[in-house]
Amino acid sequence: MFEYEIDGKKYSQKPLVLGQVQQLIKFLRGKKLPEILNPFQIIELLGDDLAEGIAIVLGEENRHLKDKDVSALTKEIQFSIKPGMALKVIEDFFDCNPIAPMMAELEGAIDRILGKITTGLKRPSSSSAEETSPEGMKSSGDTPRENADLTLDTE
């Protein structure tokens, strides 16, 4: 965990939780990420939106992340954080959230899930599954009852 004091208020940065990941995905949509990320490239990439990115990753003291008002915090941070502190927050972000191991873990999980799905799809299945009737007799599916009306209503 990393702690910061910005304009007399205390903030912290911890590994991302799902809600922050969702916010970052929406925030980064449409932005072209460079192959290699470093703090200067991130500042260039985010430009005017840098304060919002910082607001997403920081937590306010004595406030749960789910209660954070990202828009209000963005405005507050934009005119109170110093450039050196912004760089520190970005650098600490990569210490809190090592991207390469996270991506490898995600790819591994996806591969395992896909393996389970394809294994389930490869199971042999017959074209007509055999069923057992309530009386315990085998059935090859539904059969019409003797009193069923089999006519089609064409009106």
N, C-alpha and C. Protein backbone atom coordinates (compact mmCIF):
# COMPACT_ATOMS: atom_id res chain seq x y z
N MET A 1 0.85 -1.18 0.00
CA MET A 1 0.00 0.00 0.00
C MET A 1 0.89 1.24 0.00
N PHE A 2 0.48 2.24 -0.76
CA PHE A 2 1.20 3.50 -0.84
C PHE A 2 0.29 4.60 -0.32
N GLU A 3 0.86 5.53 0.41
CA GLU A 3 0.08 6.62 0.96
C GLU A 3 0.61 7.96 0.45
N TYR A 4 -0.32 8.90 0.26
CA TYR A 4 0.02 10.21 -0.27
C TYR A 4 -0.74 11.27 0.51
N GLU A 5 -0.16 12.46 0.57
CA GLU A 5 -0.87 13.62 1.08
C GLU A 5 -0.91 14.65 -0.04
N ILE A 6 -2.12 14.96 -0.45
CA ILE A 6 -2.33 15.91 -1.54
C ILE A 6 -3.23 17.02 -1.02
N ASP A 7 -2.69 18.23 -1.00
CA ASP A 7 -3.44 19.39 -0.54
C ASP A 7 -4.04 19.17 0.85
N GLY A 8 -3.25 18.55 1.73
CA GLY A 8 -3.67 18.35 3.11
C GLY A 8 -4.59 17.15 3.34
N LYS A 9 -4.94 16.42 2.30
CA LYS A 9 -5.81 15.24 2.44
C LYS A 9 -4.99 13.98 2.21
N LYS A 10 -5.38 12.91 2.89
CA LYS A 10 -4.65 11.65 2.78
C LYS A 10 -5.36 10.71 1.80
N TYR A 11 -4.53 10.09 0.95
CA TYR A 11 -5.01 9.14 -0.04
C TYR A 11 -4.12 7.92 0.01
N SER A 12 -4.62 6.80 -0.51
CA SER A 12 -3.80 5.58 -0.57
C SER A 12 -4.04 4.88 -1.89
N GLN A 13 -3.08 4.04 -2.23
CA GLN A 13 -3.19 3.23 -3.43
C GLN A 13 -2.88 1.79 -3.05
N LYS A 14 -3.77 0.91 -3.41
CA LYS A 14 -3.64 -0.52 -3.14
C LYS A 14 -3.83 -1.26 -4.46
N PRO A 15 -3.59 -2.57 -4.47
CA PRO A 15 -3.90 -3.32 -5.70
C PRO A 15 -5.36 -3.10 -6.10
N LEU A 16 -5.56 -3.03 -7.40
CA LEU A 16 -6.90 -2.76 -7.93
C LEU A 16 -7.92 -3.80 -7.50
N VAL A 17 -9.14 -3.34 -7.34
CA VAL A 17 -10.29 -4.23 -7.14
C VAL A 17 -11.12 -4.18 -8.41
N LEU A 18 -12.06 -5.07 -8.54
CA LEU A 18 -12.83 -5.21 -9.77
C LEU A 18 -13.50 -3.90 -10.21
N GLY A 19 -14.07 -3.17 -9.27
CA GLY A 19 -14.73 -1.92 -9.61
C GLY A 19 -13.77 -0.92 -10.24
N GLN A 20 -12.55 -0.85 -9.72
CA GLN A 20 -11.55 0.05 -10.30
C GLN A 20 -11.12 -0.43 -11.69
N VAL A 21 -11.01 -1.74 -11.86
CA VAL A 21 -10.66 -2.29 -13.17
C VAL A 21 -11.73 -1.89 -14.18
N GLN A 22 -12.99 -2.00 -13.80
CA GLN A 22 -14.08 -1.61 -14.69
C GLN A 22 -14.01 -0.12 -15.03
N GLN A 23 -13.72 0.70 -14.03
CA GLN A 23 -13.60 2.13 -14.27
C GLN A 23 -12.43 2.43 -15.21
N LEU A 24 -11.30 1.75 -15.00
CA LEU A 24 -10.14 1.97 -15.86
C LEU A 24 -10.40 1.51 -17.29
N ILE A 25 -11.10 0.40 -17.46
CA ILE A 25 -11.42 -0.09 -18.81
C ILE A 25 -12.25 0.96 -19.55
N LYS A 26 -13.26 1.48 -18.89
CA LYS A 26 -14.11 2.51 -19.50
C LYS A 26 -13.27 3.77 -19.77
N PHE A 27 -12.42 4.14 -18.83
CA PHE A 27 -11.58 5.33 -18.95
C PHE A 27 -10.59 5.20 -20.11
N LEU A 28 -10.02 4.02 -20.31
CA LEU A 28 -9.00 3.81 -21.34
C LEU A 28 -9.57 3.49 -22.71
N ARG A 29 -10.88 3.24 -22.79
CA ARG A 29 -11.50 2.89 -24.07
C ARG A 29 -11.20 3.97 -25.10
N GLY A 30 -10.70 3.54 -26.25
CA GLY A 30 -10.40 4.47 -27.33
C GLY A 30 -9.00 5.05 -27.28
N LYS A 31 -8.28 4.82 -26.20
CA LYS A 31 -6.91 5.32 -26.10
C LYS A 31 -5.97 4.22 -26.58
N LYS A 32 -4.99 4.57 -27.38
CA LYS A 32 -4.05 3.59 -27.92
C LYS A 32 -2.86 3.47 -26.97
N LEU A 33 -2.76 2.32 -26.32
CA LEU A 33 -1.66 2.09 -25.39
C LEU A 33 -0.38 1.74 -26.14
N PRO A 34 0.74 2.35 -25.74
CA PRO A 34 2.01 2.00 -26.37
C PRO A 34 2.45 0.60 -25.97
N GLU A 35 3.35 0.01 -26.76
CA GLU A 35 3.86 -1.34 -26.47
C GLU A 35 4.51 -1.41 -25.09
N ILE A 36 5.36 -0.45 -24.80
CA ILE A 36 6.05 -0.41 -23.51
C ILE A 36 5.54 0.79 -22.75
N LEU A 37 5.06 0.55 -21.54
CA LEU A 37 4.52 1.63 -20.73
C LEU A 37 5.55 2.12 -19.74
N ASN A 38 5.73 3.42 -19.69
CA ASN A 38 6.51 4.02 -18.63
C ASN A 38 5.75 5.27 -18.20
N PRO A 39 6.08 5.85 -17.05
CA PRO A 39 5.30 6.99 -16.55
C PRO A 39 5.18 8.15 -17.54
N PHE A 40 6.23 8.47 -18.28
CA PHE A 40 6.15 9.59 -19.21
C PHE A 40 5.19 9.29 -20.36
N GLN A 41 5.21 8.05 -20.86
CA GLN A 41 4.29 7.67 -21.94
C GLN A 41 2.85 7.71 -21.46
N ILE A 42 2.65 7.33 -20.20
CA ILE A 42 1.29 7.36 -19.66
C ILE A 42 0.80 8.80 -19.56
N ILE A 43 1.66 9.70 -19.09
CA ILE A 43 1.28 11.11 -19.01
C ILE A 43 0.93 11.64 -20.40
N GLU A 44 1.75 11.29 -21.38
CA GLU A 44 1.49 11.73 -22.76
C GLU A 44 0.18 11.13 -23.27
N LEU A 45 -0.05 9.85 -23.01
CA LEU A 45 -1.25 9.17 -23.46
C LEU A 45 -2.51 9.77 -22.84
N LEU A 46 -2.46 10.00 -21.54
CA LEU A 46 -3.65 10.46 -20.83
C LEU A 46 -3.87 11.96 -20.97
N GLY A 47 -2.79 12.70 -21.14
CA GLY A 47 -2.92 14.14 -21.34
C GLY A 47 -3.82 14.80 -20.33
N ASP A 48 -4.89 15.41 -20.83
CA ASP A 48 -5.82 16.13 -19.97
C ASP A 48 -6.60 15.23 -19.03
N ASP A 49 -6.61 13.93 -19.30
CA ASP A 49 -7.38 12.99 -18.49
C ASP A 49 -6.57 12.38 -17.34
N LEU A 50 -5.33 12.82 -17.17
CA LEU A 50 -4.45 12.24 -16.16
C LEU A 50 -5.06 12.30 -14.76
N ALA A 51 -5.66 13.43 -14.40
CA ALA A 51 -6.24 13.57 -13.06
C ALA A 51 -7.35 12.54 -12.84
N GLU A 52 -8.13 12.26 -13.87
CA GLU A 52 -9.20 11.25 -13.73
C GLU A 52 -8.60 9.87 -13.49
N GLY A 53 -7.55 9.53 -14.22
CA GLY A 53 -6.90 8.23 -14.00
C GLY A 53 -6.37 8.11 -12.58
N ILE A 54 -5.78 9.17 -12.08
CA ILE A 54 -5.27 9.17 -10.70
C ILE A 54 -6.43 9.04 -9.72
N ALA A 55 -7.53 9.74 -9.99
CA ALA A 55 -8.71 9.66 -9.12
C ALA A 55 -9.27 8.24 -9.06
N ILE A 56 -9.18 7.51 -10.16
CA ILE A 56 -9.69 6.14 -10.18
C ILE A 56 -8.82 5.23 -9.31
N VAL A 57 -7.51 5.38 -9.37
CA VAL A 57 -6.63 4.44 -8.66
C VAL A 57 -6.41 4.79 -7.19
N LEU A 58 -6.66 6.04 -6.80
CA LEU A 58 -6.46 6.42 -5.41
C LEU A 58 -7.72 6.22 -4.59
N GLY A 59 -7.51 5.89 -3.33
CA GLY A 59 -8.60 5.81 -2.38
C GLY A 59 -8.47 6.95 -1.38
N GLU A 60 -9.60 7.49 -0.97
CA GLU A 60 -9.60 8.58 0.00
C GLU A 60 -9.62 8.00 1.41
N GLU A 61 -8.92 8.68 2.31
CA GLU A 61 -8.89 8.24 3.70
C GLU A 61 -10.30 8.24 4.28
N ASN A 62 -10.63 7.17 5.00
CA ASN A 62 -11.93 7.00 5.68
C ASN A 62 -13.13 7.00 4.73
N ARG A 63 -12.92 6.59 3.48
CA ARG A 63 -14.02 6.47 2.53
C ARG A 63 -13.83 5.18 1.74
N HIS A 64 -14.88 4.37 1.68
CA HIS A 64 -14.82 3.13 0.92
C HIS A 64 -14.78 3.46 -0.57
N LEU A 65 -14.07 2.65 -1.34
CA LEU A 65 -13.94 2.89 -2.79
C LEU A 65 -15.29 2.99 -3.49
N LYS A 66 -16.26 2.20 -3.05
CA LYS A 66 -17.57 2.22 -3.71
C LYS A 66 -18.30 3.54 -3.49
N ASP A 67 -17.90 4.30 -2.48
CA ASP A 67 -18.54 5.57 -2.18
C ASP A 67 -17.79 6.76 -2.78
N LYS A 68 -16.72 6.49 -3.51
CA LYS A 68 -15.89 7.56 -4.07
C LYS A 68 -16.60 8.22 -5.25
N ASP A 69 -16.56 9.54 -5.27
CA ASP A 69 -17.09 10.33 -6.37
C ASP A 69 -15.91 10.67 -7.28
N VAL A 70 -15.71 9.89 -8.33
CA VAL A 70 -14.54 10.04 -9.20
C VAL A 70 -14.53 11.42 -9.85
N SER A 71 -15.68 11.93 -10.27
CA SER A 71 -15.73 13.25 -10.92
C SER A 71 -15.27 14.35 -9.97
N ALA A 72 -15.78 14.34 -8.75
CA ALA A 72 -15.40 15.36 -7.77
C ALA A 72 -13.93 15.24 -7.40
N LEU A 73 -13.47 14.00 -7.22
CA LEU A 73 -12.06 13.79 -6.87
C LEU A 73 -11.14 14.20 -8.02
N THR A 74 -11.58 13.98 -9.25
CA THR A 74 -10.80 14.40 -10.42
C THR A 74 -10.57 15.91 -10.39
N LYS A 75 -11.64 16.66 -10.16
CA LYS A 75 -11.53 18.12 -10.11
C LYS A 75 -10.62 18.57 -8.98
N GLU A 76 -10.75 17.90 -7.85
CA GLU A 76 -9.92 18.25 -6.69
C GLU A 76 -8.44 17.97 -6.96
N ILE A 77 -8.16 16.79 -7.51
CA ILE A 77 -6.77 16.39 -7.77
C ILE A 77 -6.15 17.25 -8.86
N GLN A 78 -6.92 17.56 -9.86
CA GLN A 78 -6.41 18.29 -11.03
C GLN A 78 -5.70 19.59 -10.65
N PHE A 79 -6.21 20.27 -9.65
CA PHE A 79 -5.62 21.55 -9.28
C PHE A 79 -4.89 21.53 -7.95
N SER A 80 -4.59 20.32 -7.46
CA SER A 80 -3.85 20.26 -6.20
C SER A 80 -2.63 19.33 -6.25
N ILE A 81 -2.60 18.39 -7.18
CA ILE A 81 -1.46 17.46 -7.23
C ILE A 81 -0.31 18.09 -8.01
N LYS A 82 0.87 17.92 -7.50
CA LYS A 82 2.07 18.42 -8.17
C LYS A 82 2.54 17.38 -9.18
N PRO A 83 3.19 17.81 -10.26
CA PRO A 83 3.63 16.86 -11.30
C PRO A 83 4.49 15.72 -10.74
N GLY A 84 5.38 16.01 -9.82
CA GLY A 84 6.22 14.95 -9.23
C GLY A 84 5.40 13.91 -8.50
N MET A 85 4.35 14.37 -7.80
CA MET A 85 3.47 13.44 -7.08
C MET A 85 2.67 12.61 -8.08
N ALA A 86 2.25 13.22 -9.18
CA ALA A 86 1.51 12.47 -10.21
C ALA A 86 2.39 11.34 -10.76
N LEU A 87 3.66 11.65 -11.04
CA LEU A 87 4.59 10.61 -11.50
C LEU A 87 4.76 9.51 -10.46
N LYS A 88 4.83 9.89 -9.19
CA LYS A 88 4.98 8.91 -8.10
C LYS A 88 3.76 7.99 -8.05
N VAL A 89 2.56 8.55 -8.20
CA VAL A 89 1.33 7.74 -8.19
C VAL A 89 1.35 6.74 -9.33
N ILE A 90 1.78 7.19 -10.51
CA ILE A 90 1.84 6.30 -11.68
C ILE A 90 2.87 5.20 -11.45
N GLU A 91 4.05 5.57 -10.96
CA GLU A 91 5.09 4.58 -10.69
C GLU A 91 4.61 3.56 -9.66
N ASP A 92 3.99 4.05 -8.60
CA ASP A 92 3.48 3.15 -7.55
C ASP A 92 2.36 2.25 -8.08
N PHE A 93 1.60 2.75 -9.06
CA PHE A 93 0.53 1.94 -9.65
C PHE A 93 1.11 0.63 -10.19
N PHE A 94 2.25 0.72 -10.86
CA PHE A 94 2.85 -0.48 -11.45
C PHE A 94 3.49 -1.38 -10.40
N ASP A 95 3.86 -0.81 -9.25
CA ASP A 95 4.33 -1.64 -8.14
C ASP A 95 3.17 -2.37 -7.48
N CYS A 96 2.03 -1.69 -7.37
CA CYS A 96 0.83 -2.30 -6.78
C CYS A 96 0.19 -3.33 -7.71
N ASN A 97 0.30 -3.07 -8.99
CA ASN A 97 -0.41 -3.87 -9.99
C ASN A 97 0.55 -4.30 -11.09
N PRO A 98 1.40 -5.28 -10.79
CA PRO A 98 2.35 -5.72 -11.83
C PRO A 98 1.60 -6.31 -13.02
N ILE A 99 1.61 -5.57 -14.12
CA ILE A 99 0.79 -5.89 -15.28
C ILE A 99 1.15 -7.24 -15.92
N ALA A 100 2.44 -7.49 -16.15
CA ALA A 100 2.85 -8.73 -16.84
C ALA A 100 2.37 -9.97 -16.08
N PRO A 101 2.62 -10.09 -14.77
CA PRO A 101 2.12 -11.27 -14.06
C PRO A 101 0.59 -11.34 -14.05
N MET A 102 -0.08 -10.18 -13.97
CA MET A 102 -1.54 -10.18 -14.00
C MET A 102 -2.06 -10.69 -15.33
N MET A 103 -1.42 -10.26 -16.43
CA MET A 103 -1.84 -10.71 -17.75
C MET A 103 -1.58 -12.20 -17.92
N ALA A 104 -0.44 -12.67 -17.43
CA ALA A 104 -0.13 -14.10 -17.52
C ALA A 104 -1.15 -14.91 -16.73
N GLU A 105 -1.51 -14.42 -15.55
CA GLU A 105 -2.51 -15.11 -14.74
C GLU A 105 -3.86 -15.12 -15.43
N LEU A 106 -4.23 -13.99 -16.03
CA LEU A 106 -5.49 -13.89 -16.75
C LEU A 106 -5.51 -14.83 -17.95
N GLU A 107 -4.42 -14.85 -18.72
CA GLU A 107 -4.35 -15.75 -19.88
C GLU A 107 -4.44 -17.21 -19.45
N GLY A 108 -3.77 -17.56 -18.34
CA GLY A 108 -3.83 -18.92 -17.83
C GLY A 108 -5.24 -19.30 -17.43
N ALA A 109 -5.94 -18.39 -16.74
CA ALA A 109 -7.32 -18.65 -16.33
C ALA A 109 -8.22 -18.82 -17.55
N ILE A 110 -8.04 -17.97 -18.55
CA ILE A 110 -8.84 -18.07 -19.77
C ILE A 110 -8.59 -19.41 -20.47
N ASP A 111 -7.31 -19.81 -20.55
CA ASP A 111 -6.98 -21.10 -21.16
C ASP A 111 -7.64 -22.25 -20.41
N ARG A 112 -7.62 -22.20 -19.07
CA ARG A 112 -8.23 -23.28 -18.27
C ARG A 112 -9.75 -23.31 -18.48
N ILE A 113 -10.37 -22.14 -18.52
CA ILE A 113 -11.82 -22.07 -18.72
C ILE A 113 -12.17 -22.59 -20.11
N LEU A 114 -11.42 -22.15 -21.13
CA LEU A 114 -11.69 -22.63 -22.49
C LEU A 114 -11.48 -24.14 -22.58
N GLY A 115 -10.47 -24.65 -21.89
CA GLY A 115 -10.24 -26.10 -21.87
C GLY A 115 -11.43 -26.85 -21.29
N LYS A 116 -12.00 -26.30 -20.23
CA LYS A 116 -13.17 -26.94 -19.61
C LYS A 116 -14.38 -26.86 -20.53
N ILE A 117 -14.52 -25.74 -21.21
CA ILE A 117 -15.66 -25.59 -22.13
C ILE A 117 -15.51 -26.54 -23.30
N THR A 118 -14.33 -26.60 -23.92
CA THR A 118 -14.15 -27.47 -25.08
C THR A 118 -14.20 -28.93 -24.69
N THR A 119 -13.74 -29.27 -23.50
CA THR A 119 -13.84 -30.66 -23.03
C THR A 119 -15.32 -31.04 -22.91
N GLY A 120 -16.12 -30.11 -22.40
CA GLY A 120 -17.56 -30.36 -22.28
C GLY A 120 -18.22 -30.50 -23.64
N LEU A 121 -17.75 -29.77 -24.62
CA LEU A 121 -18.32 -29.84 -25.96
C LEU A 121 -17.92 -31.11 -26.69
N LYS A 122 -16.77 -31.70 -26.33
CA LYS A 122 -16.28 -32.89 -27.02
C LYS A 122 -16.89 -34.18 -26.50
N ARG A 123 -17.68 -34.11 -25.45
CA ARG A 123 -18.29 -35.32 -24.90
C ARG A 123 -19.22 -35.91 -25.94
N PRO A 124 -19.18 -37.24 -26.11
CA PRO A 124 -20.06 -37.85 -27.11
C PRO A 124 -21.52 -37.69 -26.70
N SER A 125 -22.32 -37.41 -27.68
CA SER A 125 -23.75 -37.31 -27.42
C SER A 125 -24.49 -38.00 -28.56
N SER A 126 -25.56 -38.68 -28.21
CA SER A 126 -26.34 -39.35 -29.24
C SER A 126 -27.36 -38.36 -29.79
N SER A 127 -27.87 -38.66 -30.97
CA SER A 127 -28.82 -37.75 -31.59
C SER A 127 -30.17 -37.80 -30.88
N SER A 128 -30.48 -38.90 -30.23
CA SER A 128 -31.73 -39.01 -29.50
C SER A 128 -31.41 -39.57 -28.13
N ALA A 129 -31.42 -38.71 -27.14
CA ALA A 129 -31.09 -39.14 -25.79
C ALA A 129 -32.17 -40.06 -25.26
N GLU A 130 -31.72 -41.07 -24.55
CA GLU A 130 -32.65 -42.02 -23.98
C GLU A 130 -33.17 -41.46 -22.67
N GLU A 131 -34.47 -41.51 -22.47
CA GLU A 131 -35.08 -41.01 -21.25
C GLU A 131 -35.75 -42.15 -20.53
N THR A 132 -36.00 -41.92 -19.26
CA THR A 132 -36.71 -42.91 -18.46
C THR A 132 -38.03 -42.29 -18.04
N SER A 133 -39.10 -43.01 -18.25
CA SER A 133 -40.42 -42.50 -17.90
C SER A 133 -40.61 -42.62 -16.39
N PRO A 134 -41.60 -41.93 -15.84
CA PRO A 134 -41.84 -42.02 -14.39
C PRO A 134 -42.10 -43.46 -13.93
N GLU A 135 -42.60 -44.31 -14.84
CA GLU A 135 -42.85 -45.70 -14.46
C GLU A 135 -41.58 -46.53 -14.50
N GLY A 136 -40.45 -45.93 -14.89
CA GLY A 136 -39.19 -46.65 -14.93
C GLY A 136 -38.92 -47.30 -16.26
N MET A 137 -39.81 -47.15 -17.23
CA MET A 137 -39.59 -47.74 -18.54
C MET A 137 -38.81 -46.76 -19.41
N LYS A 138 -37.94 -47.32 -20.24
CA LYS A 138 -37.14 -46.46 -21.11
C LYS A 138 -38.01 -45.89 -22.21
N SER A 139 -37.68 -44.63 -22.55
CA SER A 139 -38.43 -43.93 -23.57
C SER A 139 -37.44 -43.24 -24.49
N SER A 140 -37.78 -43.06 -25.74
CA SER A 140 -36.88 -42.36 -26.65
C SER A 140 -37.33 -40.91 -26.83
N GLY A 141 -38.11 -40.42 -25.92
CA GLY A 141 -38.57 -39.04 -26.00
C GLY A 141 -40.04 -38.96 -25.74
N ASP A 142 -40.60 -37.79 -25.96
CA ASP A 142 -42.02 -37.59 -25.72
C ASP A 142 -42.84 -38.32 -26.77
N THR A 143 -43.90 -38.94 -26.34
CA THR A 143 -44.87 -39.54 -27.27
C THR A 143 -46.20 -38.86 -27.00
N PRO A 144 -46.98 -38.64 -28.07
CA PRO A 144 -48.26 -37.95 -27.85
C PRO A 144 -49.21 -38.81 -27.02
N ARG A 145 -49.97 -38.13 -26.19
CA ARG A 145 -50.98 -38.84 -25.42
C ARG A 145 -52.12 -39.23 -26.36
N GLU A 146 -52.84 -40.27 -25.98
CA GLU A 146 -53.90 -40.77 -26.85
C GLU A 146 -54.98 -39.73 -27.09
N ASN A 147 -55.23 -38.86 -26.12
CA ASN A 147 -56.31 -37.89 -26.27
C ASN A 147 -55.80 -36.53 -26.73
N ALA A 148 -54.55 -36.45 -27.17
CA ALA A 148 -53.98 -35.16 -27.60
C ALA A 148 -54.57 -34.75 -28.94
N ASP A 149 -54.83 -33.47 -29.10
CA ASP A 149 -55.32 -32.92 -30.35
C ASP A 149 -54.11 -32.58 -31.21
N LEU A 150 -53.90 -33.30 -32.30
CA LEU A 150 -52.74 -33.13 -33.14
C LEU A 150 -52.97 -32.25 -34.35
N THR A 151 -54.11 -31.59 -34.40
CA THR A 151 -54.40 -30.72 -35.54
C THR A 151 -53.77 -29.35 -35.33
N LEU A 152 -53.38 -28.69 -36.41
CA LEU A 152 -52.79 -27.36 -36.35
C LEU A 152 -53.88 -26.34 -36.57
N ASP A 153 -53.86 -25.29 -35.80
CA ASP A 153 -54.80 -24.20 -35.99
C ASP A 153 -54.19 -23.27 -37.01
N THR A 154 -54.78 -23.20 -38.23
CA THR A 154 -54.21 -22.40 -39.30
C THR A 154 -54.83 -21.02 -39.40
N GLU A 155 -55.69 -20.65 -38.52
CA GLU A 155 -56.32 -19.33 -38.58
C GLU A 155 -55.43 -18.28 -38.00
